[in-house]
């Protein structure tokens, strides 16, 4: 099913990918290079955890090694200095570990998790990837697949997908780090699907 959701005005129109498009994007970095391992880990982190670009760039190596009740969690530093802990998707966990094993900075607990492959400005490769770098990464892979999008579309995709699969909207609000649930409702397209109308929930 080829589906792009868009949000009605006055919100900005941010497309959300259909499921098969998201799967294609996750598989887009295909070779065994460090860059491809990094890019697969970044795309998975965005699509399964709905992070903002800035939040992804702030991640330290130690931030994906938290555990709560035996479940690996991702520590995310969000807007306004607020911290949230998100259960880490097993697939993402594996991809991050693959990347760190290849890149060699897995023991640098206080260092940036996702790093650039080159740095024309300073030459340093131990800094975090920039928000612009994340945007260009997503833009490049999506363009190759025929649907050019920005990184925020992956946040929209994750939120829309979770809600479409009956995730509780209050939990999605917390997951996204939204201060107001009205912002989360932008991603809830169940309101516009006839099959989800209360009409079809009434039973006498």
N, C-alpha and C. Protein backbone atom coordinates (compact mmCIF):
# COMPACT_ATOMS: atom_id res chain seq x y z
N UNK A 1 0.85 -1.20 0.00
CA UNK A 1 0.00 0.00 0.00
C UNK A 1 0.88 1.24 0.00
N UNK A 2 0.81 2.04 -1.04
CA UNK A 2 1.61 3.25 -1.13
C UNK A 2 0.81 4.41 -0.55
N UNK A 3 1.19 4.83 0.62
CA UNK A 3 0.43 5.85 1.33
C UNK A 3 1.33 6.94 1.86
N UNK A 4 0.98 8.18 1.55
CA UNK A 4 1.61 9.32 2.21
C UNK A 4 0.49 10.04 2.95
N UNK A 5 0.64 10.20 4.26
CA UNK A 5 -0.30 11.00 5.02
C UNK A 5 0.20 12.43 5.02
N UNK A 6 -0.72 13.38 4.96
CA UNK A 6 -0.33 14.77 5.17
C UNK A 6 -1.28 15.35 6.20
N UNK A 7 -0.82 16.36 6.89
CA UNK A 7 -1.60 16.94 7.96
C UNK A 7 -2.29 18.19 7.47
N UNK A 8 -3.54 18.40 7.88
CA UNK A 8 -4.29 19.58 7.43
C UNK A 8 -3.71 20.85 8.02
N UNK A 9 -3.95 21.95 7.32
CA UNK A 9 -3.54 23.24 7.86
C UNK A 9 -4.25 23.46 9.19
N UNK A 10 -3.69 24.23 10.14
CA UNK A 10 -2.53 25.09 9.93
C UNK A 10 -1.19 24.40 10.22
N UNK A 11 -1.17 23.11 10.47
CA UNK A 11 0.10 22.45 10.74
C UNK A 11 0.89 22.30 9.45
N UNK A 12 2.20 22.15 9.61
CA UNK A 12 3.03 21.94 8.43
C UNK A 12 2.73 20.56 7.86
N UNK A 13 2.81 20.44 6.57
CA UNK A 13 2.53 19.16 5.93
C UNK A 13 3.78 18.29 5.95
N UNK A 14 3.80 17.36 6.87
CA UNK A 14 4.92 16.43 6.99
C UNK A 14 4.43 15.07 6.55
N UNK A 15 5.00 14.50 5.50
CA UNK A 15 4.52 13.20 5.04
C UNK A 15 4.95 12.09 5.98
N UNK A 16 4.12 11.06 6.06
CA UNK A 16 4.48 9.85 6.79
C UNK A 16 4.52 8.71 5.80
N UNK A 17 5.53 7.90 5.88
CA UNK A 17 5.68 6.80 4.93
C UNK A 17 4.69 5.68 5.21
N UNK A 18 4.33 4.96 4.15
CA UNK A 18 3.60 3.72 4.32
C UNK A 18 4.56 2.65 4.82
N UNK A 19 4.01 1.55 5.30
CA UNK A 19 4.85 0.51 5.90
C UNK A 19 5.91 -0.02 4.96
N UNK A 20 5.53 -0.29 3.71
CA UNK A 20 6.51 -0.88 2.78
C UNK A 20 7.62 0.12 2.43
N UNK A 21 7.28 1.42 2.42
CA UNK A 21 8.30 2.43 2.16
C UNK A 21 9.29 2.51 3.32
N UNK A 22 8.77 2.40 4.54
CA UNK A 22 9.65 2.42 5.71
C UNK A 22 10.59 1.22 5.69
N UNK A 23 10.07 0.06 5.32
CA UNK A 23 10.92 -1.14 5.24
C UNK A 23 12.01 -0.97 4.19
N UNK A 24 11.65 -0.39 3.05
CA UNK A 24 12.64 -0.16 1.99
C UNK A 24 13.72 0.80 2.46
N UNK A 25 13.32 1.82 3.20
CA UNK A 25 14.28 2.80 3.69
C UNK A 25 15.25 2.15 4.69
N UNK A 26 14.73 1.31 5.55
CA UNK A 26 15.58 0.61 6.52
C UNK A 26 16.62 -0.27 5.83
N UNK A 27 16.24 -0.80 4.66
CA UNK A 27 17.14 -1.69 3.92
C UNK A 27 18.02 -0.96 2.92
N UNK A 28 17.86 0.36 2.80
CA UNK A 28 18.55 1.10 1.75
C UNK A 28 20.08 1.09 1.87
N UNK A 29 20.68 1.26 3.05
CA UNK A 29 22.15 1.16 3.15
C UNK A 29 22.54 -0.32 3.06
N UNK A 30 23.08 -0.74 1.93
CA UNK A 30 23.19 -2.18 1.67
C UNK A 30 24.57 -2.79 1.85
N UNK A 31 25.63 -2.01 1.76
CA UNK A 31 26.95 -2.66 1.83
C UNK A 31 27.39 -2.86 3.28
N UNK A 32 28.61 -3.36 3.47
CA UNK A 32 29.09 -3.72 4.80
C UNK A 32 30.06 -2.68 5.35
N UNK A 33 30.03 -1.47 4.80
CA UNK A 33 30.95 -0.42 5.25
C UNK A 33 30.51 0.14 6.60
N UNK A 34 31.41 0.83 7.27
CA UNK A 34 31.07 1.47 8.54
C UNK A 34 29.95 2.48 8.33
N UNK A 35 30.01 3.22 7.22
CA UNK A 35 28.97 4.22 6.94
C UNK A 35 27.60 3.56 6.83
N UNK A 36 27.52 2.46 6.09
CA UNK A 36 26.23 1.79 5.94
C UNK A 36 25.73 1.23 7.26
N UNK A 37 26.65 0.70 8.07
CA UNK A 37 26.25 0.20 9.39
C UNK A 37 25.71 1.35 10.25
N UNK A 38 26.41 2.49 10.19
CA UNK A 38 25.95 3.66 10.94
C UNK A 38 24.58 4.11 10.44
N UNK A 39 24.44 4.21 9.12
CA UNK A 39 23.20 4.72 8.55
C UNK A 39 22.02 3.81 8.85
N UNK A 40 22.24 2.49 8.80
CA UNK A 40 21.16 1.56 9.16
C UNK A 40 20.75 1.76 10.62
N UNK A 41 21.73 1.96 11.48
CA UNK A 41 21.43 2.19 12.90
C UNK A 41 20.67 3.50 13.11
N UNK A 42 21.07 4.54 12.40
CA UNK A 42 20.39 5.84 12.52
C UNK A 42 18.95 5.74 12.02
N UNK A 43 18.74 5.15 10.85
CA UNK A 43 17.40 5.03 10.30
C UNK A 43 16.50 4.21 11.21
N UNK A 44 17.04 3.14 11.77
CA UNK A 44 16.26 2.31 12.69
C UNK A 44 15.92 3.07 13.97
N UNK A 45 16.88 3.84 14.48
CA UNK A 45 16.64 4.63 15.69
C UNK A 45 15.53 5.65 15.46
N UNK A 46 15.52 6.28 14.31
CA UNK A 46 14.49 7.27 13.99
C UNK A 46 13.13 6.62 13.77
N UNK A 47 13.09 5.51 13.04
CA UNK A 47 11.82 4.90 12.67
C UNK A 47 11.17 4.11 13.80
N UNK A 48 11.96 3.62 14.74
CA UNK A 48 11.39 2.83 15.82
C UNK A 48 11.27 3.60 17.14
N UNK A 49 11.85 4.81 17.20
CA UNK A 49 11.81 5.56 18.45
C UNK A 49 11.34 7.00 18.28
N UNK A 50 11.08 7.41 17.03
CA UNK A 50 10.46 8.71 16.74
C UNK A 50 11.23 9.89 17.32
N UNK A 51 12.55 9.83 17.25
CA UNK A 51 13.35 10.94 17.80
C UNK A 51 13.37 12.14 16.86
N UNK A 52 13.50 13.30 17.46
CA UNK A 52 13.82 14.50 16.69
C UNK A 52 15.29 14.40 16.28
N UNK A 53 15.66 15.13 15.21
CA UNK A 53 17.06 15.11 14.76
C UNK A 53 18.01 15.52 15.88
N UNK A 54 17.66 16.60 16.57
CA UNK A 54 18.54 17.11 17.63
C UNK A 54 18.70 16.08 18.74
N UNK A 55 17.63 15.34 19.03
CA UNK A 55 17.71 14.33 20.07
C UNK A 55 18.65 13.20 19.67
N UNK A 56 18.58 12.79 18.42
CA UNK A 56 19.48 11.75 17.94
C UNK A 56 20.93 12.20 18.00
N UNK A 57 21.18 13.46 17.63
CA UNK A 57 22.55 13.99 17.62
C UNK A 57 23.14 14.10 19.02
N UNK A 58 22.28 14.25 20.03
CA UNK A 58 22.76 14.38 21.41
C UNK A 58 23.11 13.04 22.05
N UNK A 59 22.72 11.94 21.45
CA UNK A 59 22.92 10.63 22.07
C UNK A 59 24.40 10.34 22.32
N UNK A 60 24.69 9.89 23.51
CA UNK A 60 26.03 9.41 23.87
C UNK A 60 26.03 7.89 23.81
N UNK A 61 27.23 7.31 23.76
CA UNK A 61 27.33 5.85 23.73
C UNK A 61 26.60 5.24 24.93
N UNK A 62 26.75 5.86 26.09
CA UNK A 62 26.13 5.31 27.31
C UNK A 62 24.61 5.36 27.27
N UNK A 63 24.04 6.23 26.41
CA UNK A 63 22.60 6.45 26.44
C UNK A 63 21.78 5.28 25.91
N UNK A 64 22.40 4.35 25.21
CA UNK A 64 21.63 3.21 24.73
C UNK A 64 21.91 1.96 25.59
N UNK A 65 22.56 2.17 26.71
CA UNK A 65 22.91 1.04 27.58
C UNK A 65 22.19 1.07 28.91
N UNK A 66 21.09 1.78 28.97
CA UNK A 66 20.28 1.79 30.19
C UNK A 66 19.34 0.59 30.17
N UNK A 67 18.98 0.12 31.36
CA UNK A 67 18.03 -0.99 31.46
C UNK A 67 17.03 -0.69 32.56
N UNK A 68 15.78 -0.99 32.30
CA UNK A 68 14.72 -0.83 33.30
C UNK A 68 13.92 -2.12 33.33
N UNK A 69 13.86 -2.73 34.50
CA UNK A 69 13.19 -4.03 34.67
C UNK A 69 13.71 -5.05 33.67
N UNK A 70 15.02 -4.99 33.45
CA UNK A 70 15.65 -5.96 32.56
C UNK A 70 15.51 -5.68 31.08
N UNK A 71 14.86 -4.56 30.73
CA UNK A 71 14.63 -4.21 29.32
C UNK A 71 15.57 -3.06 28.93
N UNK A 72 16.36 -3.22 27.86
CA UNK A 72 17.23 -2.12 27.41
C UNK A 72 16.41 -0.87 27.07
N UNK A 73 16.90 0.27 27.48
CA UNK A 73 16.23 1.54 27.22
C UNK A 73 17.20 2.54 26.60
N UNK A 74 16.63 3.47 25.87
CA UNK A 74 17.38 4.57 25.27
C UNK A 74 17.09 5.83 26.09
N UNK A 75 18.13 6.48 26.57
CA UNK A 75 17.96 7.73 27.30
C UNK A 75 18.00 8.89 26.31
N UNK A 76 16.91 9.64 26.26
CA UNK A 76 16.77 10.71 25.27
C UNK A 76 16.67 12.07 25.97
N UNK A 77 17.51 13.01 25.56
CA UNK A 77 17.45 14.38 26.08
C UNK A 77 16.60 15.21 25.14
N UNK A 78 15.41 15.55 25.58
CA UNK A 78 14.45 16.23 24.71
C UNK A 78 14.40 17.72 24.89
N UNK A 79 13.34 18.32 24.36
CA UNK A 79 13.16 19.77 24.44
C UNK A 79 13.00 20.21 25.88
N UNK A 80 13.49 21.40 26.16
CA UNK A 80 13.33 21.98 27.49
C UNK A 80 14.10 21.24 28.56
N UNK A 81 15.12 20.51 28.16
CA UNK A 81 15.93 19.78 29.14
C UNK A 81 15.25 18.57 29.73
N UNK A 82 14.13 18.15 29.15
CA UNK A 82 13.41 17.00 29.68
C UNK A 82 14.03 15.70 29.16
N UNK A 83 14.17 14.75 30.06
CA UNK A 83 14.73 13.44 29.72
C UNK A 83 13.63 12.40 29.71
N UNK A 84 13.63 11.53 28.71
CA UNK A 84 12.71 10.41 28.70
C UNK A 84 13.47 9.13 28.37
N UNK A 85 12.96 8.02 28.86
CA UNK A 85 13.58 6.71 28.63
C UNK A 85 12.65 5.88 27.77
N UNK A 86 13.14 5.45 26.62
CA UNK A 86 12.33 4.69 25.68
C UNK A 86 12.84 3.27 25.58
N UNK A 87 11.96 2.27 25.69
CA UNK A 87 12.41 0.90 25.47
C UNK A 87 13.10 0.79 24.11
N UNK A 88 14.24 0.15 24.10
CA UNK A 88 15.06 0.07 22.88
C UNK A 88 14.61 -1.11 22.04
N UNK A 89 14.25 -0.84 20.80
CA UNK A 89 13.83 -1.91 19.90
C UNK A 89 14.98 -2.89 19.70
N UNK A 90 14.72 -4.21 19.80
CA UNK A 90 15.81 -5.20 19.67
C UNK A 90 16.59 -5.09 18.37
N UNK A 91 15.88 -4.81 17.27
CA UNK A 91 16.57 -4.65 15.98
C UNK A 91 17.51 -3.46 15.98
N UNK A 92 17.04 -2.36 16.56
CA UNK A 92 17.88 -1.16 16.65
C UNK A 92 19.09 -1.41 17.53
N UNK A 93 18.86 -2.10 18.63
CA UNK A 93 19.95 -2.43 19.55
C UNK A 93 21.05 -3.21 18.82
N UNK A 94 20.65 -4.20 18.04
CA UNK A 94 21.62 -4.99 17.28
C UNK A 94 22.37 -4.16 16.26
N UNK A 95 21.66 -3.26 15.57
CA UNK A 95 22.30 -2.43 14.54
C UNK A 95 23.29 -1.44 15.16
N UNK A 96 22.94 -0.87 16.32
CA UNK A 96 23.85 0.05 16.99
C UNK A 96 25.11 -0.69 17.42
N UNK A 97 24.95 -1.88 17.97
CA UNK A 97 26.12 -2.66 18.38
C UNK A 97 26.99 -3.04 17.20
N UNK A 98 26.37 -3.39 16.06
CA UNK A 98 27.13 -3.69 14.84
C UNK A 98 27.96 -2.49 14.41
N UNK A 99 27.31 -1.31 14.46
CA UNK A 99 27.99 -0.07 14.07
C UNK A 99 29.16 0.23 15.00
N UNK A 100 28.93 0.13 16.31
CA UNK A 100 29.99 0.44 17.27
C UNK A 100 31.16 -0.54 17.16
N UNK A 101 30.85 -1.82 16.91
CA UNK A 101 31.92 -2.81 16.73
C UNK A 101 32.79 -2.45 15.53
N UNK A 102 32.15 -1.99 14.47
CA UNK A 102 32.89 -1.64 13.25
C UNK A 102 33.62 -0.30 13.39
N UNK A 103 32.97 0.66 14.05
CA UNK A 103 33.55 2.00 14.16
C UNK A 103 34.62 2.08 15.25
N UNK A 104 34.51 1.24 16.28
CA UNK A 104 35.55 1.15 17.28
C UNK A 104 35.45 2.13 18.44
N UNK A 105 34.32 2.82 18.60
CA UNK A 105 34.23 3.75 19.74
C UNK A 105 33.21 3.30 20.79
N UNK A 106 32.95 2.01 20.82
CA UNK A 106 31.97 1.49 21.76
C UNK A 106 32.36 1.61 23.23
N UNK A 107 33.65 1.78 23.52
CA UNK A 107 34.09 1.93 24.91
C UNK A 107 34.12 3.39 25.36
N UNK A 108 33.86 4.31 24.42
CA UNK A 108 33.86 5.74 24.74
C UNK A 108 32.49 6.14 25.26
N UNK A 109 32.21 5.76 26.52
CA UNK A 109 30.87 5.92 27.09
C UNK A 109 30.35 7.35 27.02
N UNK A 110 31.24 8.32 27.20
CA UNK A 110 30.81 9.73 27.22
C UNK A 110 30.87 10.39 25.84
N UNK A 111 31.30 9.63 24.84
CA UNK A 111 31.43 10.17 23.50
C UNK A 111 30.14 10.08 22.71
N UNK A 112 30.09 10.80 21.61
CA UNK A 112 28.91 10.80 20.74
C UNK A 112 28.65 9.40 20.19
N UNK A 113 27.40 9.00 20.17
CA UNK A 113 27.04 7.68 19.65
C UNK A 113 27.19 7.64 18.14
N UNK A 114 26.52 8.57 17.44
CA UNK A 114 26.57 8.60 15.98
C UNK A 114 27.51 9.71 15.53
N UNK A 115 28.51 9.34 14.74
CA UNK A 115 29.56 10.28 14.36
C UNK A 115 29.68 10.41 12.85
N UNK A 116 30.23 11.53 12.38
CA UNK A 116 30.38 11.73 10.93
C UNK A 116 31.48 10.84 10.36
N UNK A 117 31.38 10.59 9.06
CA UNK A 117 32.42 9.83 8.36
C UNK A 117 33.55 10.76 7.91
N UNK A 118 33.20 12.05 7.75
CA UNK A 118 34.21 13.04 7.40
C UNK A 118 33.77 14.37 7.98
N UNK A 119 34.73 15.27 8.18
CA UNK A 119 34.43 16.57 8.75
C UNK A 119 35.31 17.60 8.05
N UNK A 120 34.72 18.26 7.07
CA UNK A 120 35.49 19.22 6.27
C UNK A 120 35.84 20.48 7.06
N UNK A 121 35.06 20.75 8.11
CA UNK A 121 35.28 21.98 8.87
C UNK A 121 36.48 21.86 9.81
N UNK A 122 36.51 20.79 10.61
CA UNK A 122 37.56 20.67 11.62
C UNK A 122 38.44 19.43 11.43
N UNK A 123 37.96 18.48 10.63
CA UNK A 123 38.71 17.25 10.45
C UNK A 123 38.51 16.25 11.58
N UNK A 124 37.81 16.65 12.65
CA UNK A 124 37.58 15.77 13.79
C UNK A 124 36.42 14.82 13.52
N UNK A 125 36.61 13.56 13.85
CA UNK A 125 35.57 12.57 13.62
C UNK A 125 34.99 12.01 14.93
N UNK A 126 35.38 12.63 16.06
CA UNK A 126 34.89 12.14 17.35
C UNK A 126 33.73 12.99 17.87
N UNK A 127 33.27 13.93 17.06
CA UNK A 127 32.12 14.74 17.43
C UNK A 127 30.84 14.07 16.94
N UNK A 128 29.70 14.59 17.38
CA UNK A 128 28.42 14.02 16.96
C UNK A 128 28.09 14.43 15.52
N UNK A 129 27.38 13.55 14.84
CA UNK A 129 26.83 13.92 13.54
C UNK A 129 25.91 15.13 13.75
N UNK A 130 25.86 16.02 12.79
CA UNK A 130 25.02 17.22 12.93
C UNK A 130 23.59 16.95 12.49
N UNK A 131 22.69 17.82 12.91
CA UNK A 131 21.29 17.70 12.49
C UNK A 131 21.18 17.80 10.97
N UNK A 132 22.00 18.66 10.37
CA UNK A 132 22.01 18.79 8.91
C UNK A 132 22.51 17.49 8.27
N UNK A 133 23.48 16.85 8.91
CA UNK A 133 23.99 15.59 8.40
C UNK A 133 22.92 14.51 8.42
N UNK A 134 22.11 14.48 9.48
CA UNK A 134 21.01 13.51 9.57
C UNK A 134 19.97 13.80 8.48
N UNK A 135 19.67 15.08 8.29
CA UNK A 135 18.69 15.46 7.26
C UNK A 135 19.17 14.99 5.89
N UNK A 136 20.43 15.25 5.58
CA UNK A 136 20.96 14.89 4.26
C UNK A 136 21.01 13.37 4.08
N UNK A 137 21.29 12.66 5.16
CA UNK A 137 21.32 11.20 5.11
C UNK A 137 19.94 10.65 4.71
N UNK A 138 18.91 11.11 5.41
CA UNK A 138 17.55 10.65 5.12
C UNK A 138 17.12 11.07 3.72
N UNK A 139 17.45 12.30 3.37
CA UNK A 139 17.09 12.84 2.06
C UNK A 139 17.72 12.02 0.94
N UNK A 140 18.97 11.64 1.12
CA UNK A 140 19.70 10.90 0.08
C UNK A 140 19.12 9.52 -0.14
N UNK A 141 18.92 8.76 0.94
CA UNK A 141 18.39 7.40 0.79
C UNK A 141 16.96 7.40 0.27
N UNK A 142 16.15 8.33 0.77
CA UNK A 142 14.75 8.37 0.32
C UNK A 142 14.66 8.78 -1.15
N UNK A 143 15.53 9.69 -1.58
CA UNK A 143 15.53 10.10 -2.99
C UNK A 143 15.89 8.93 -3.89
N UNK A 144 16.82 8.09 -3.45
CA UNK A 144 17.18 6.91 -4.23
C UNK A 144 16.00 5.97 -4.41
N UNK A 145 15.09 5.98 -3.44
CA UNK A 145 13.93 5.09 -3.48
C UNK A 145 12.72 5.74 -4.14
N UNK A 146 12.85 7.00 -4.51
CA UNK A 146 11.77 7.66 -5.25
C UNK A 146 10.79 8.44 -4.41
N UNK A 147 11.08 8.65 -3.12
CA UNK A 147 10.19 9.49 -2.29
C UNK A 147 11.05 10.36 -1.39
N UNK A 148 11.45 11.50 -1.89
CA UNK A 148 12.38 12.37 -1.18
C UNK A 148 11.71 13.03 0.01
N UNK A 149 12.23 12.75 1.20
CA UNK A 149 11.65 13.28 2.44
C UNK A 149 12.75 13.79 3.35
N UNK A 150 12.35 14.51 4.37
CA UNK A 150 13.30 14.96 5.40
C UNK A 150 13.22 14.05 6.61
N UNK A 151 14.11 14.29 7.57
CA UNK A 151 14.19 13.41 8.74
C UNK A 151 12.94 13.47 9.60
N UNK A 152 12.25 14.63 9.64
CA UNK A 152 11.06 14.73 10.49
C UNK A 152 9.96 13.79 10.02
N UNK A 153 9.98 13.44 8.74
CA UNK A 153 8.97 12.51 8.22
C UNK A 153 9.09 11.15 8.88
N UNK A 154 10.28 10.78 9.36
CA UNK A 154 10.44 9.49 10.03
C UNK A 154 9.81 9.53 11.42
N UNK A 155 9.87 10.68 12.06
CA UNK A 155 9.16 10.86 13.35
C UNK A 155 7.65 10.77 13.12
N UNK A 156 7.19 11.41 12.06
CA UNK A 156 5.77 11.35 11.72
C UNK A 156 5.36 9.92 11.39
N UNK A 157 6.23 9.21 10.67
CA UNK A 157 5.94 7.83 10.29
C UNK A 157 5.81 6.95 11.53
N UNK A 158 6.74 7.07 12.46
CA UNK A 158 6.71 6.26 13.67
C UNK A 158 5.45 6.55 14.49
N UNK A 159 5.13 7.81 14.66
CA UNK A 159 3.95 8.18 15.45
C UNK A 159 2.67 7.68 14.80
N UNK A 160 2.55 7.89 13.49
CA UNK A 160 1.36 7.47 12.76
C UNK A 160 1.22 5.95 12.81
N UNK A 161 2.32 5.25 12.61
CA UNK A 161 2.29 3.79 12.62
C UNK A 161 1.87 3.26 13.98
N UNK A 162 2.44 3.83 15.04
CA UNK A 162 2.08 3.37 16.39
C UNK A 162 0.60 3.57 16.67
N UNK A 163 0.07 4.74 16.29
CA UNK A 163 -1.34 5.02 16.53
C UNK A 163 -2.24 4.14 15.66
N UNK A 164 -1.83 3.91 14.42
CA UNK A 164 -2.60 3.04 13.53
C UNK A 164 -2.68 1.61 14.06
N UNK A 165 -1.65 1.23 14.85
CA UNK A 165 -1.63 -0.11 15.43
C UNK A 165 -2.12 -0.09 16.88
N UNK A 166 -2.97 0.89 17.17
CA UNK A 166 -3.74 0.96 18.42
C UNK A 166 -2.92 1.29 19.66
N UNK A 167 -1.77 1.94 19.49
CA UNK A 167 -1.04 2.43 20.66
C UNK A 167 -1.88 3.49 21.37
N UNK A 168 -1.84 3.50 22.69
CA UNK A 168 -2.57 4.48 23.48
C UNK A 168 -2.01 5.88 23.20
N UNK A 169 -2.88 6.83 22.89
CA UNK A 169 -2.40 8.16 22.47
C UNK A 169 -1.65 8.88 23.59
N UNK A 170 -2.03 8.64 24.84
CA UNK A 170 -1.31 9.27 25.95
C UNK A 170 0.11 8.71 26.05
N UNK A 171 0.26 7.43 25.79
CA UNK A 171 1.60 6.83 25.81
C UNK A 171 2.43 7.33 24.63
N UNK A 172 1.77 7.53 23.48
CA UNK A 172 2.47 8.07 22.31
C UNK A 172 2.92 9.50 22.59
N UNK A 173 2.08 10.28 23.28
CA UNK A 173 2.45 11.64 23.67
C UNK A 173 3.73 11.63 24.50
N UNK A 174 3.78 10.74 25.48
CA UNK A 174 4.96 10.63 26.35
C UNK A 174 6.18 10.15 25.55
N UNK A 175 5.95 9.20 24.67
CA UNK A 175 7.00 8.63 23.81
C UNK A 175 7.64 9.69 22.93
N UNK A 176 6.80 10.58 22.38
CA UNK A 176 7.27 11.64 21.49
C UNK A 176 7.86 12.82 22.25
N UNK A 177 7.55 12.93 23.54
CA UNK A 177 8.01 14.08 24.32
C UNK A 177 7.20 15.32 24.05
N UNK A 178 5.91 15.15 23.75
CA UNK A 178 5.04 16.30 23.51
C UNK A 178 4.50 16.85 24.82
N UNK A 179 4.53 18.15 24.98
CA UNK A 179 3.97 18.79 26.17
C UNK A 179 2.45 18.77 26.15
N UNK A 180 1.87 18.82 24.95
CA UNK A 180 0.42 18.92 24.79
C UNK A 180 -0.07 17.78 23.90
N UNK A 181 -1.09 17.07 24.35
CA UNK A 181 -1.60 15.94 23.58
C UNK A 181 -2.21 16.38 22.25
N UNK A 182 -2.59 17.65 22.14
CA UNK A 182 -3.13 18.16 20.88
C UNK A 182 -2.10 18.03 19.77
N UNK A 183 -0.82 18.18 20.10
CA UNK A 183 0.23 18.03 19.11
C UNK A 183 0.31 16.57 18.64
N UNK A 184 0.13 15.65 19.56
CA UNK A 184 0.16 14.22 19.22
C UNK A 184 -1.00 13.86 18.31
N UNK A 185 -2.15 14.49 18.52
CA UNK A 185 -3.34 14.15 17.74
C UNK A 185 -3.15 14.46 16.25
N UNK A 186 -2.20 15.32 15.93
CA UNK A 186 -1.92 15.62 14.52
C UNK A 186 -1.58 14.33 13.77
N UNK A 187 -0.95 13.39 14.48
CA UNK A 187 -0.51 12.16 13.85
C UNK A 187 -1.57 11.06 13.86
N UNK A 188 -2.71 11.33 14.49
CA UNK A 188 -3.74 10.29 14.64
C UNK A 188 -4.74 10.36 13.50
N UNK A 189 -4.56 9.49 12.52
CA UNK A 189 -5.43 9.50 11.33
C UNK A 189 -6.64 8.59 11.50
N UNK A 190 -6.78 8.00 12.67
CA UNK A 190 -7.96 7.18 12.91
C UNK A 190 -9.23 8.03 12.91
N UNK A 191 -9.07 9.32 13.20
CA UNK A 191 -10.22 10.23 13.20
C UNK A 191 -10.83 10.35 11.83
N UNK A 192 -10.03 10.15 10.78
CA UNK A 192 -10.52 10.37 9.41
C UNK A 192 -10.83 9.08 8.68
N UNK A 193 -10.68 7.93 9.38
CA UNK A 193 -10.97 6.65 8.73
C UNK A 193 -12.41 6.24 9.06
N UNK A 194 -13.26 6.07 8.04
CA UNK A 194 -14.66 5.72 8.31
C UNK A 194 -14.82 4.49 9.20
N UNK A 195 -13.93 3.51 9.01
CA UNK A 195 -14.07 2.26 9.78
C UNK A 195 -13.83 2.46 11.27
N UNK A 196 -13.23 3.59 11.64
CA UNK A 196 -12.97 3.85 13.06
C UNK A 196 -14.02 4.76 13.69
N UNK A 197 -15.06 5.07 12.96
CA UNK A 197 -16.11 5.93 13.49
C UNK A 197 -16.87 5.22 14.60
N UNK A 198 -17.30 5.99 15.61
CA UNK A 198 -18.16 5.39 16.66
C UNK A 198 -19.42 4.75 16.08
N UNK A 199 -19.84 5.17 14.89
CA UNK A 199 -21.01 4.57 14.25
C UNK A 199 -20.91 3.05 14.25
N UNK A 200 -19.71 2.57 13.96
CA UNK A 200 -19.52 1.12 13.82
C UNK A 200 -19.17 0.45 15.15
N UNK A 201 -19.16 1.23 16.23
CA UNK A 201 -18.93 0.66 17.56
C UNK A 201 -20.24 0.46 18.32
N UNK A 202 -21.29 1.10 17.82
CA UNK A 202 -22.60 1.00 18.47
C UNK A 202 -23.17 -0.40 18.21
N UNK A 203 -23.64 -1.02 19.27
CA UNK A 203 -24.24 -2.37 19.12
C UNK A 203 -25.43 -2.48 20.06
N UNK A 204 -26.62 -2.76 19.49
CA UNK A 204 -27.87 -2.92 20.29
C UNK A 204 -28.30 -4.39 20.30
